[in-house]
Structure formats: C-alpha cells, structure tokens
Amino acid sequence: MAQTPKILAFAGSTRADSYNKKLVRVAMAGAEAAGAEVTFLDLRDLPLPLYDGDLEASEGLPENARRLKELMVAHHGLLIASPEYNSSVTAVLKNAIDWASRAEEGEAPLAAYTDKVAALVSASPGALGGLRGLVHLRAILGNIGVLVLPEQIAVPRAHEAFGPEGQLVDPKQQASVEKIGAGLARVLAKLRA
C-alpha cells in the first residue's frame, strides 16, 4: 500500500513578510492538492548559531539543529523557496543545511538528507527572480545526496508579484508554482509505491 508523501516546506528567509515564504505556501497548495501531507517550517522558529566545529565538539548539536534534523528525517521530500543574496543562497539557509548535515554518535552520515527528493522555487525583486541562487542550492543539495527535481520556478519582480492574500497576481505563474509542489508530491508517491 502506498504511503502518503510527507513534505517539509520552508523558505531560506526569516523575514516576517518574506516573498519566499509566500511563494513556498503557493507551492505547498499544489503539493497538498496532489495528495501530499505538507508541514510548513519557519526557520525563524528554529534559530541556530553559525555553524562552528568547536562549538559542536564541546557542546554537541544545538537543540534546534536536532529538531530540524528530526523534521527532515520524518519527511520524504523538501520543498524549498530560496531567496537570492549576492547571487547565492542566504546565510540562514546554508547554515540550516550545514547544521542538519551533522551526524551524532550512532547516526549515519547525512541522515537528514538520505533518500530525500527536493523541489526548488525562488522569488526576488530582481529581473532573474533568484535563479542564480537556485543554481548554488541545487549544487549544495546534490552534493549531499538529495535528488533535486529538474523543474524549478524563479519569480522576478517579487515586490509586484503577490496579491494581498499571498497568491501570485499572474494566474499562469500561480499555476506554474503550484505545479512544482504537485510534481514533488507525484514523484514521492511513485517512489513510495
């Protein structure tokens, strides 16, 4: 019997009114419509110190890093909306990826990323919509064993792209972002059948 796909969705931003938090919620709607169980995570709720090997050696993983890893392990897929900072990923997103990659005693390396499938979206006020940052995120995730789906969406001019309820103003763009979430749900369903 097929297992309901479980997806952890989050944005690489802690800003309260983040365009990427809005965007990941649009993609979440597509995944839920396709039958997935989706959990939204706000990285603001799991503050982490900058990764520091000395801190890890002396104190172990911070509690929020453990919580993040537990969430990742409990889900089959990752739906990530990544802002672009200086043509790359945000510090908060890279830091979260790094802390979650750390193995504790008796734990397999990269346990939070083993057998994971990810879908990526981005929104930015710039003309490329965060596309350059997605290239870096795809490489990071691929190098730690995550299967990253080829389809992605980068929404340009994000300051004009969203309506008052968080939906995208352009219905075709809305449908395209929802399709990314639905595609992740379908791939996970097939893999778990």
N, C-alpha and C. Protein backbone atom coordinates (compact mmCIF):
# COMPACT_ATOMS: atom_id res chain seq x y z
N MET A 1 0.84 -1.19 0.00
CA MET A 1 0.00 0.00 0.00
C MET A 1 0.88 1.25 0.00
N ALA A 2 0.56 2.19 -0.87
CA ALA A 2 1.37 3.42 -0.99
C ALA A 2 1.23 4.27 0.27
N GLN A 3 2.32 4.90 0.62
CA GLN A 3 2.36 5.77 1.78
C GLN A 3 2.15 7.22 1.32
N THR A 4 1.36 7.99 2.07
CA THR A 4 1.15 9.40 1.73
C THR A 4 2.48 10.13 1.78
N PRO A 5 2.84 10.82 0.69
CA PRO A 5 4.09 11.58 0.70
C PRO A 5 4.06 12.67 1.77
N LYS A 6 5.14 12.79 2.52
CA LYS A 6 5.26 13.83 3.54
C LYS A 6 6.35 14.80 3.10
N ILE A 7 5.99 16.07 3.03
CA ILE A 7 6.90 17.10 2.53
C ILE A 7 7.11 18.15 3.61
N LEU A 8 8.37 18.52 3.82
CA LEU A 8 8.72 19.63 4.69
C LEU A 8 8.98 20.84 3.81
N ALA A 9 8.23 21.90 4.03
CA ALA A 9 8.33 23.11 3.20
C ALA A 9 8.84 24.27 4.02
N PHE A 10 9.82 24.98 3.48
CA PHE A 10 10.36 26.14 4.19
C PHE A 10 11.03 27.09 3.21
N ALA A 11 11.23 28.31 3.67
CA ALA A 11 11.92 29.33 2.89
C ALA A 11 13.26 29.63 3.55
N GLY A 12 14.22 30.02 2.76
CA GLY A 12 15.53 30.38 3.27
C GLY A 12 15.57 31.83 3.73
N SER A 13 14.53 32.23 4.43
CA SER A 13 14.41 33.61 4.90
C SER A 13 13.75 33.60 6.27
N THR A 14 14.13 34.54 7.10
CA THR A 14 13.46 34.69 8.40
C THR A 14 12.61 35.95 8.43
N ARG A 15 12.58 36.72 7.34
CA ARG A 15 11.78 37.94 7.29
C ARG A 15 10.30 37.62 7.47
N ALA A 16 9.62 38.40 8.26
CA ALA A 16 8.19 38.17 8.53
C ALA A 16 7.37 38.22 7.25
N ASP A 17 7.65 39.18 6.38
CA ASP A 17 6.86 39.35 5.15
C ASP A 17 7.65 38.88 3.92
N SER A 18 8.37 37.79 4.08
CA SER A 18 9.24 37.26 3.04
C SER A 18 8.44 36.85 1.79
N TYR A 19 8.94 37.27 0.64
CA TYR A 19 8.35 36.83 -0.63
C TYR A 19 8.45 35.32 -0.77
N ASN A 20 9.56 34.77 -0.30
CA ASN A 20 9.77 33.33 -0.45
C ASN A 20 8.90 32.50 0.49
N LYS A 21 8.54 33.05 1.65
CA LYS A 21 7.56 32.36 2.50
C LYS A 21 6.20 32.32 1.80
N LYS A 22 5.86 33.42 1.14
CA LYS A 22 4.60 33.44 0.37
C LYS A 22 4.67 32.43 -0.77
N LEU A 23 5.81 32.41 -1.45
CA LEU A 23 5.96 31.53 -2.61
C LEU A 23 5.91 30.05 -2.22
N VAL A 24 6.56 29.69 -1.12
CA VAL A 24 6.54 28.29 -0.72
C VAL A 24 5.13 27.85 -0.34
N ARG A 25 4.34 28.77 0.18
CA ARG A 25 2.95 28.42 0.51
C ARG A 25 2.12 28.16 -0.76
N VAL A 26 2.42 28.87 -1.83
CA VAL A 26 1.74 28.60 -3.11
C VAL A 26 2.11 27.20 -3.59
N ALA A 27 3.40 26.88 -3.55
CA ALA A 27 3.83 25.54 -3.97
C ALA A 27 3.26 24.46 -3.06
N MET A 28 3.14 24.77 -1.76
CA MET A 28 2.54 23.83 -0.81
C MET A 28 1.11 23.47 -1.21
N ALA A 29 0.37 24.48 -1.65
CA ALA A 29 -1.03 24.24 -2.05
C ALA A 29 -1.09 23.22 -3.18
N GLY A 30 -0.15 23.31 -4.12
CA GLY A 30 -0.11 22.34 -5.21
C GLY A 30 0.22 20.94 -4.72
N ALA A 31 1.15 20.85 -3.77
CA ALA A 31 1.53 19.54 -3.22
C ALA A 31 0.36 18.93 -2.45
N GLU A 32 -0.32 19.74 -1.68
CA GLU A 32 -1.48 19.24 -0.91
C GLU A 32 -2.60 18.80 -1.84
N ALA A 33 -2.84 19.56 -2.90
CA ALA A 33 -3.88 19.18 -3.87
C ALA A 33 -3.55 17.87 -4.56
N ALA A 34 -2.25 17.57 -4.66
CA ALA A 34 -1.81 16.31 -5.28
C ALA A 34 -1.74 15.16 -4.28
N GLY A 35 -2.18 15.39 -3.04
CA GLY A 35 -2.29 14.30 -2.07
C GLY A 35 -1.19 14.21 -1.04
N ALA A 36 -0.28 15.18 -1.00
CA ALA A 36 0.81 15.12 -0.02
C ALA A 36 0.38 15.74 1.30
N GLU A 37 1.03 15.30 2.35
CA GLU A 37 0.90 15.91 3.67
C GLU A 37 2.08 16.86 3.80
N VAL A 38 1.81 18.15 3.97
CA VAL A 38 2.87 19.15 3.96
C VAL A 38 2.95 19.85 5.30
N THR A 39 4.18 19.96 5.81
CA THR A 39 4.45 20.68 7.05
C THR A 39 5.23 21.94 6.71
N PHE A 40 4.72 23.09 7.12
CA PHE A 40 5.45 24.35 6.91
C PHE A 40 6.35 24.60 8.10
N LEU A 41 7.60 24.94 7.81
CA LEU A 41 8.57 25.29 8.84
C LEU A 41 9.05 26.71 8.58
N ASP A 42 8.99 27.54 9.60
CA ASP A 42 9.57 28.88 9.53
C ASP A 42 10.93 28.80 10.23
N LEU A 43 12.01 29.01 9.50
CA LEU A 43 13.35 28.91 10.09
C LEU A 43 13.55 29.91 11.23
N ARG A 44 12.73 30.94 11.29
CA ARG A 44 12.79 31.89 12.40
C ARG A 44 12.46 31.19 13.72
N ASP A 45 11.66 30.13 13.64
CA ASP A 45 11.25 29.41 14.85
C ASP A 45 12.32 28.45 15.37
N LEU A 46 13.36 28.24 14.58
CA LEU A 46 14.47 27.36 14.99
C LEU A 46 15.80 28.11 14.84
N PRO A 47 16.01 29.16 15.63
CA PRO A 47 17.27 29.91 15.48
C PRO A 47 18.48 29.04 15.79
N LEU A 48 19.50 29.22 14.98
CA LEU A 48 20.73 28.43 15.12
C LEU A 48 21.94 29.35 15.14
N PRO A 49 22.95 29.00 15.94
CA PRO A 49 24.20 29.77 15.85
C PRO A 49 24.86 29.46 14.51
N LEU A 50 25.77 30.30 14.08
CA LEU A 50 26.55 29.96 12.89
C LEU A 50 27.27 28.65 13.15
N TYR A 51 27.33 27.80 12.11
CA TYR A 51 27.99 26.52 12.32
C TYR A 51 29.43 26.76 12.78
N ASP A 52 29.81 26.03 13.82
CA ASP A 52 31.13 26.16 14.43
C ASP A 52 31.55 24.78 14.92
N GLY A 53 32.57 24.21 14.29
CA GLY A 53 33.03 22.88 14.66
C GLY A 53 33.49 22.78 16.10
N ASP A 54 34.06 23.86 16.63
CA ASP A 54 34.49 23.84 18.03
C ASP A 54 33.28 23.79 18.97
N LEU A 55 32.26 24.55 18.63
CA LEU A 55 31.02 24.53 19.43
C LEU A 55 30.40 23.13 19.39
N GLU A 56 30.35 22.54 18.21
CA GLU A 56 29.80 21.19 18.08
C GLU A 56 30.61 20.19 18.90
N ALA A 57 31.94 20.31 18.85
CA ALA A 57 32.79 19.38 19.60
C ALA A 57 32.64 19.53 21.10
N SER A 58 32.45 20.75 21.58
CA SER A 58 32.37 20.97 23.03
C SER A 58 30.96 20.80 23.59
N GLU A 59 29.94 21.11 22.81
CA GLU A 59 28.57 21.09 23.33
C GLU A 59 27.62 20.16 22.57
N GLY A 60 28.07 19.59 21.46
CA GLY A 60 27.18 18.78 20.64
C GLY A 60 26.28 19.65 19.78
N LEU A 61 25.30 19.02 19.18
CA LEU A 61 24.40 19.79 18.32
C LEU A 61 23.47 20.66 19.16
N PRO A 62 23.24 21.89 18.73
CA PRO A 62 22.23 22.70 19.41
C PRO A 62 20.86 22.02 19.32
N GLU A 63 20.02 22.25 20.31
CA GLU A 63 18.70 21.63 20.34
C GLU A 63 17.91 21.91 19.06
N ASN A 64 17.99 23.12 18.55
CA ASN A 64 17.24 23.45 17.33
C ASN A 64 17.78 22.72 16.10
N ALA A 65 19.07 22.41 16.09
CA ALA A 65 19.62 21.61 14.99
C ALA A 65 19.05 20.19 15.06
N ARG A 66 18.94 19.65 16.27
CA ARG A 66 18.31 18.33 16.44
C ARG A 66 16.86 18.35 15.97
N ARG A 67 16.14 19.39 16.35
CA ARG A 67 14.73 19.49 15.94
C ARG A 67 14.60 19.59 14.42
N LEU A 68 15.48 20.37 13.80
CA LEU A 68 15.47 20.49 12.34
C LEU A 68 15.74 19.14 11.69
N LYS A 69 16.76 18.44 12.19
CA LYS A 69 17.07 17.12 11.65
C LYS A 69 15.91 16.15 11.82
N GLU A 70 15.28 16.17 12.99
CA GLU A 70 14.14 15.29 13.23
C GLU A 70 13.01 15.56 12.23
N LEU A 71 12.76 16.83 11.96
CA LEU A 71 11.73 17.19 10.97
C LEU A 71 12.12 16.67 9.59
N MET A 72 13.36 16.86 9.22
CA MET A 72 13.80 16.40 7.90
C MET A 72 13.71 14.88 7.78
N VAL A 73 14.16 14.18 8.80
CA VAL A 73 14.12 12.71 8.77
C VAL A 73 12.68 12.21 8.68
N ALA A 74 11.74 12.91 9.31
CA ALA A 74 10.35 12.49 9.35
C ALA A 74 9.59 12.75 8.04
N HIS A 75 10.22 13.45 7.12
CA HIS A 75 9.56 13.78 5.85
C HIS A 75 10.32 13.14 4.69
N HIS A 76 9.59 12.87 3.61
CA HIS A 76 10.18 12.22 2.43
C HIS A 76 10.79 13.24 1.48
N GLY A 77 10.23 14.44 1.45
CA GLY A 77 10.67 15.44 0.48
C GLY A 77 10.82 16.81 1.10
N LEU A 78 11.56 17.66 0.39
CA LEU A 78 11.79 19.04 0.82
C LEU A 78 11.31 19.98 -0.28
N LEU A 79 10.54 20.96 0.11
CA LEU A 79 10.07 22.00 -0.81
C LEU A 79 10.67 23.30 -0.29
N ILE A 80 11.62 23.85 -1.04
CA ILE A 80 12.40 24.98 -0.55
C ILE A 80 12.23 26.19 -1.46
N ALA A 81 11.90 27.32 -0.84
CA ALA A 81 11.88 28.60 -1.54
C ALA A 81 13.10 29.37 -1.08
N SER A 82 13.98 29.65 -2.02
CA SER A 82 15.29 30.22 -1.66
C SER A 82 15.46 31.63 -2.19
N PRO A 83 15.53 32.61 -1.29
CA PRO A 83 15.89 33.95 -1.76
C PRO A 83 17.31 33.94 -2.32
N GLU A 84 17.64 34.95 -3.09
CA GLU A 84 18.99 35.09 -3.62
C GLU A 84 19.66 36.29 -2.96
N TYR A 85 20.76 36.03 -2.29
CA TYR A 85 21.58 37.11 -1.71
C TYR A 85 22.92 37.12 -2.42
N ASN A 86 23.24 38.20 -3.08
CA ASN A 86 24.52 38.34 -3.78
C ASN A 86 24.81 37.14 -4.68
N SER A 87 23.82 36.76 -5.46
CA SER A 87 23.92 35.69 -6.46
C SER A 87 24.07 34.30 -5.87
N SER A 88 23.69 34.10 -4.61
CA SER A 88 23.81 32.78 -3.99
C SER A 88 22.68 32.58 -2.98
N VAL A 89 22.81 31.54 -2.17
CA VAL A 89 21.81 31.24 -1.15
C VAL A 89 22.01 32.14 0.07
N THR A 90 21.01 32.24 0.89
CA THR A 90 21.10 33.05 2.10
C THR A 90 21.94 32.34 3.15
N ALA A 91 22.51 33.13 4.05
CA ALA A 91 23.29 32.56 5.15
C ALA A 91 22.43 31.68 6.04
N VAL A 92 21.18 32.09 6.30
CA VAL A 92 20.32 31.31 7.18
C VAL A 92 20.01 29.94 6.57
N LEU A 93 19.83 29.89 5.26
CA LEU A 93 19.54 28.61 4.61
C LEU A 93 20.77 27.71 4.60
N LYS A 94 21.91 28.25 4.24
CA LYS A 94 23.13 27.45 4.22
C LYS A 94 23.48 26.95 5.62
N ASN A 95 23.29 27.80 6.62
CA ASN A 95 23.58 27.41 7.99
C ASN A 95 22.66 26.27 8.45
N ALA A 96 21.38 26.35 8.09
CA ALA A 96 20.44 25.29 8.45
C ALA A 96 20.83 23.97 7.76
N ILE A 97 21.19 24.05 6.49
CA ILE A 97 21.63 22.85 5.76
C ILE A 97 22.86 22.25 6.44
N ASP A 98 23.80 23.11 6.81
CA ASP A 98 25.04 22.62 7.42
C ASP A 98 24.79 21.97 8.77
N TRP A 99 24.02 22.61 9.65
CA TRP A 99 23.76 22.00 10.96
C TRP A 99 23.01 20.68 10.81
N ALA A 100 22.04 20.63 9.91
CA ALA A 100 21.26 19.40 9.73
C ALA A 100 22.09 18.28 9.13
N SER A 101 23.21 18.62 8.53
CA SER A 101 24.07 17.59 7.91
C SER A 101 24.96 16.88 8.92
N ARG A 102 25.06 17.39 10.12
CA ARG A 102 25.99 16.84 11.11
C ARG A 102 25.45 15.56 11.74
N ALA A 103 26.28 14.53 11.76
CA ALA A 103 25.89 13.24 12.33
C ALA A 103 26.27 13.19 13.81
N GLU A 104 25.38 12.63 14.60
CA GLU A 104 25.68 12.39 16.01
C GLU A 104 26.08 10.92 16.16
N GLU A 105 26.56 10.58 17.34
CA GLU A 105 27.02 9.21 17.59
C GLU A 105 25.92 8.21 17.28
N GLY A 106 26.28 7.17 16.52
CA GLY A 106 25.35 6.12 16.16
C GLY A 106 24.44 6.47 15.00
N GLU A 107 24.63 7.63 14.41
CA GLU A 107 23.76 8.09 13.32
C GLU A 107 24.54 8.03 12.00
N ALA A 108 23.87 7.62 10.96
CA ALA A 108 24.51 7.57 9.64
C ALA A 108 24.82 8.99 9.17
N PRO A 109 25.90 9.15 8.41
CA PRO A 109 26.22 10.46 7.86
C PRO A 109 25.07 10.96 6.97
N LEU A 110 24.79 12.23 7.06
CA LEU A 110 23.77 12.89 6.24
C LEU A 110 22.38 12.24 6.38
N ALA A 111 22.06 11.77 7.57
CA ALA A 111 20.78 11.09 7.79
C ALA A 111 19.58 11.96 7.42
N ALA A 112 19.70 13.26 7.60
CA ALA A 112 18.58 14.16 7.29
C ALA A 112 18.33 14.28 5.79
N TYR A 113 19.31 13.88 4.99
CA TYR A 113 19.21 14.05 3.53
C TYR A 113 19.12 12.74 2.77
N THR A 114 19.32 11.62 3.45
CA THR A 114 19.29 10.32 2.80
C THR A 114 17.92 10.04 2.20
N ASP A 115 17.92 9.67 0.93
CA ASP A 115 16.69 9.31 0.19
C ASP A 115 15.70 10.46 0.07
N LYS A 116 16.17 11.69 0.17
CA LYS A 116 15.27 12.84 0.05
C LYS A 116 15.19 13.30 -1.40
N VAL A 117 14.02 13.84 -1.74
CA VAL A 117 13.79 14.48 -3.03
C VAL A 117 13.38 15.91 -2.73
N ALA A 118 13.92 16.85 -3.51
CA ALA A 118 13.61 18.25 -3.26
C ALA A 118 13.11 18.93 -4.52
N ALA A 119 12.27 19.94 -4.31
CA ALA A 119 11.84 20.84 -5.38
C ALA A 119 12.17 22.25 -4.94
N LEU A 120 12.59 23.08 -5.89
CA LEU A 120 13.08 24.41 -5.58
C LEU A 120 12.28 25.49 -6.30
N VAL A 121 12.03 26.57 -5.58
CA VAL A 121 11.42 27.77 -6.15
C VAL A 121 12.13 28.97 -5.55
N SER A 122 11.96 30.12 -6.19
CA SER A 122 12.60 31.33 -5.70
C SER A 122 11.81 32.55 -6.14
N ALA A 123 11.87 33.59 -5.33
CA ALA A 123 11.29 34.88 -5.69
C ALA A 123 12.27 35.97 -5.29
N SER A 124 12.38 36.97 -6.15
CA SER A 124 13.30 38.07 -5.88
C SER A 124 12.79 39.33 -6.58
N PRO A 125 13.05 40.49 -6.00
CA PRO A 125 12.69 41.73 -6.68
C PRO A 125 13.45 41.92 -8.00
N GLY A 126 14.57 41.24 -8.17
CA GLY A 126 15.38 41.37 -9.38
C GLY A 126 14.75 40.73 -10.60
N ALA A 127 15.36 40.98 -11.74
CA ALA A 127 14.82 40.51 -13.03
C ALA A 127 14.95 39.01 -13.23
N LEU A 128 15.88 38.35 -12.52
CA LEU A 128 16.06 36.91 -12.70
C LEU A 128 15.29 36.08 -11.67
N GLY A 129 14.67 36.73 -10.71
CA GLY A 129 13.83 36.02 -9.75
C GLY A 129 14.54 35.11 -8.78
N GLY A 130 15.86 35.27 -8.64
CA GLY A 130 16.61 34.40 -7.73
C GLY A 130 17.21 33.18 -8.39
N LEU A 131 17.19 33.14 -9.70
CA LEU A 131 17.65 31.98 -10.45
C LEU A 131 19.10 31.61 -10.14
N ARG A 132 19.98 32.61 -9.98
CA ARG A 132 21.40 32.31 -9.72
C ARG A 132 21.57 31.60 -8.37
N GLY A 133 20.78 31.97 -7.39
CA GLY A 133 20.85 31.31 -6.09
C GLY A 133 20.39 29.86 -6.18
N LEU A 134 19.40 29.58 -7.04
CA LEU A 134 18.91 28.20 -7.19
C LEU A 134 20.00 27.29 -7.76
N VAL A 135 20.85 27.83 -8.61
CA VAL A 135 21.95 27.04 -9.17
C VAL A 135 22.85 26.57 -8.03
N HIS A 136 23.16 27.47 -7.11
CA HIS A 136 24.03 27.10 -5.98
C HIS A 136 23.33 26.12 -5.04
N LEU A 137 22.05 26.36 -4.77
CA LEU A 137 21.31 25.47 -3.87
C LEU A 137 21.21 24.07 -4.46
N ARG A 138 20.96 23.99 -5.75
CA ARG A 138 20.89 22.69 -6.43
C ARG A 138 22.21 21.94 -6.27
N ALA A 139 23.32 22.64 -6.43
CA ALA A 139 24.64 22.00 -6.29
C ALA A 139 24.88 21.54 -4.85
N ILE A 140 24.55 22.37 -3.88
CA ILE A 140 24.74 22.00 -2.48
C ILE A 140 23.95 20.75 -2.14
N LEU A 141 22.67 20.76 -2.48
CA LEU A 141 21.81 19.62 -2.15
C LEU A 141 22.23 18.36 -2.90
N GLY A 142 22.58 18.49 -4.15
CA GLY A 142 23.03 17.34 -4.93
C GLY A 142 24.29 16.72 -4.36
N ASN A 143 25.18 17.56 -3.86
CA ASN A 143 26.44 17.05 -3.30
C ASN A 143 26.26 16.34 -1.97
N ILE A 144 25.13 16.54 -1.29
CA ILE A 144 24.89 15.80 -0.04
C ILE A 144 23.85 14.71 -0.24
N GLY A 145 23.60 14.35 -1.49
CA GLY A 145 22.80 13.17 -1.79
C GLY A 145 21.32 13.39 -2.00
N VAL A 146 20.86 14.64 -2.08
CA VAL A 146 19.44 14.90 -2.31
C VAL A 146 19.18 14.87 -3.82
N LEU A 147 18.12 14.18 -4.22
CA LEU A 147 17.69 14.20 -5.61
C LEU A 147 16.86 15.46 -5.81
N VAL A 148 17.37 16.39 -6.60
CA VAL A 148 16.68 17.66 -6.83
C VAL A 148 15.99 17.58 -8.18
N LEU A 149 14.67 17.77 -8.17
CA LEU A 149 13.91 17.70 -9.42
C LEU A 149 14.35 18.79 -10.38
N PRO A 150 14.35 18.50 -11.68
CA PRO A 150 14.84 19.49 -12.65
C PRO A 150 13.94 20.72 -12.79
N GLU A 151 12.64 20.55 -12.61
CA GLU A 151 11.73 21.68 -12.77
C GLU A 151 11.89 22.65 -11.59
N GLN A 152 11.93 23.93 -11.89
CA GLN A 152 12.01 24.94 -10.85
C GLN A 152 11.36 26.22 -11.38
N ILE A 153 11.03 27.11 -10.48
CA ILE A 153 10.43 28.40 -10.86
C ILE A 153 11.18 29.50 -10.13
N ALA A 154 11.51 30.57 -10.86
CA ALA A 154 12.10 31.77 -10.27
C ALA A 154 11.16 32.93 -10.63
N VAL A 155 10.57 33.55 -9.63
CA VAL A 155 9.60 34.62 -9.84
C VAL A 155 10.30 35.98 -9.73
N PRO A 156 10.42 36.70 -10.86
CA PRO A 156 11.06 38.02 -10.82
C PRO A 156 10.09 39.10 -10.33
N ARG A 157 10.65 40.26 -9.99
CA ARG A 157 9.86 41.42 -9.58
C ARG A 157 8.86 41.02 -8.48
N ALA A 158 9.38 40.30 -7.48
CA ALA A 158 8.54 39.73 -6.43
C ALA A 158 7.74 40.79 -5.67
N HIS A 159 8.26 42.01 -5.60
CA HIS A 159 7.55 43.09 -4.90
C HIS A 159 6.25 43.47 -5.59
N GLU A 160 6.08 43.03 -6.85
CA GLU A 160 4.85 43.29 -7.60
C GLU A 160 4.07 42.01 -7.89
N ALA A 161 4.62 40.86 -7.53
CA ALA A 161 4.07 39.57 -7.98
C ALA A 161 2.95 39.02 -7.12
N PHE A 162 2.85 39.47 -5.86
CA PHE A 162 1.90 38.85 -4.92
C PHE A 162 0.72 39.77 -4.63
N GLY A 163 -0.45 39.14 -4.52
CA GLY A 163 -1.65 39.85 -4.12
C GLY A 163 -1.74 39.94 -2.61
N PRO A 164 -2.79 40.60 -2.11
CA PRO A 164 -2.91 40.83 -0.66
C PRO A 164 -3.07 39.55 0.16
N GLU A 165 -3.54 38.48 -0.43
CA GLU A 165 -3.73 37.21 0.29
C GLU A 165 -2.55 36.26 0.13
N GLY A 166 -1.47 36.73 -0.51
CA GLY A 166 -0.29 35.89 -0.69
C GLY A 166 -0.27 35.10 -1.98
N GLN A 167 -1.32 35.19 -2.76
CA GLN A 167 -1.35 34.49 -4.03
C GLN A 167 -0.58 35.30 -5.07
N LEU A 168 -0.16 34.64 -6.14
CA LEU A 168 0.51 35.34 -7.22
C LEU A 168 -0.54 36.05 -8.08
N VAL A 169 -0.25 37.26 -8.48
CA VAL A 169 -1.18 38.07 -9.26
C VAL A 169 -1.42 37.45 -10.63
N ASP A 170 -0.39 36.88 -11.23
CA ASP A 170 -0.49 36.25 -12.55
C ASP A 170 -0.98 34.82 -12.38
N PRO A 171 -2.19 34.51 -12.87
CA PRO A 171 -2.73 33.15 -12.70
C PRO A 171 -1.86 32.05 -13.32
N LYS A 172 -1.19 32.36 -14.43
CA LYS A 172 -0.32 31.36 -15.06
C LYS A 172 0.89 31.07 -14.17
N GLN A 173 1.42 32.12 -13.56
CA GLN A 173 2.55 31.95 -12.63
C GLN A 173 2.11 31.17 -11.39
N GLN A 174 0.92 31.49 -10.89
CA GLN A 174 0.36 30.77 -9.74
C GLN A 174 0.26 29.27 -10.06
N ALA A 175 -0.28 28.96 -11.23
CA ALA A 175 -0.44 27.56 -11.64
C ALA A 175 0.92 26.88 -11.81
N SER A 176 1.92 27.60 -12.33
CA SER A 176 3.25 27.02 -12.52
C SER A 176 3.92 26.68 -11.19
N VAL A 177 3.75 27.56 -10.20
CA VAL A 177 4.34 27.30 -8.88
C VAL A 177 3.62 26.14 -8.19
N GLU A 178 2.29 26.13 -8.28
CA GLU A 178 1.53 25.01 -7.73
C GLU A 178 1.95 23.69 -8.38
N LYS A 179 2.26 23.75 -9.67
CA LYS A 179 2.68 22.55 -10.40
C LYS A 179 4.00 22.00 -9.87
N ILE A 180 4.90 22.88 -9.41
CA ILE A 180 6.16 22.42 -8.83
C ILE A 180 5.87 21.59 -7.57
N GLY A 181 5.00 22.09 -6.70
CA GLY A 181 4.63 21.35 -5.50
C GLY A 181 3.94 20.04 -5.83
N ALA A 182 3.03 20.08 -6.80
CA ALA A 182 2.32 18.86 -7.21
C ALA A 182 3.28 17.85 -7.81
N GLY A 183 4.25 18.32 -8.58
CA GLY A 183 5.23 17.42 -9.18
C GLY A 183 6.05 16.70 -8.12
N LEU A 184 6.45 17.42 -7.09
CA LEU A 184 7.19 16.79 -6.00
C LEU A 184 6.32 15.72 -5.33
N ALA A 185 5.08 16.04 -5.07
CA ALA A 185 4.18 15.07 -4.46
C ALA A 185 4.02 13.82 -5.30
N ARG A 186 3.88 13.99 -6.61
CA ARG A 186 3.71 12.84 -7.50
C ARG A 186 4.96 11.96 -7.56
N VAL A 187 6.13 12.59 -7.64
CA VAL A 187 7.38 11.81 -7.68
C VAL A 187 7.54 11.02 -6.38
N LEU A 188 7.27 11.67 -5.25
CA LEU A 188 7.38 10.97 -3.97
C LEU A 188 6.39 9.82 -3.88
N ALA A 189 5.18 10.03 -4.37
CA ALA A 189 4.17 8.96 -4.35
C ALA A 189 4.64 7.76 -5.17
N LYS A 190 5.23 8.02 -6.32
CA LYS A 190 5.74 6.94 -7.17
C LYS A 190 6.89 6.21 -6.49
N LEU A 191 7.78 6.95 -5.87
CA LEU A 191 8.92 6.33 -5.20
C LEU A 191 8.51 5.51 -3.98
N ARG A 192 7.40 5.87 -3.38
CA ARG A 192 6.97 5.21 -2.14
C ARG A 192 5.91 4.14 -2.39
N ALA A 193 5.54 3.94 -3.67
CA ALA A 193 4.50 2.95 -4.01
C ALA A 193 5.03 1.53 -3.84
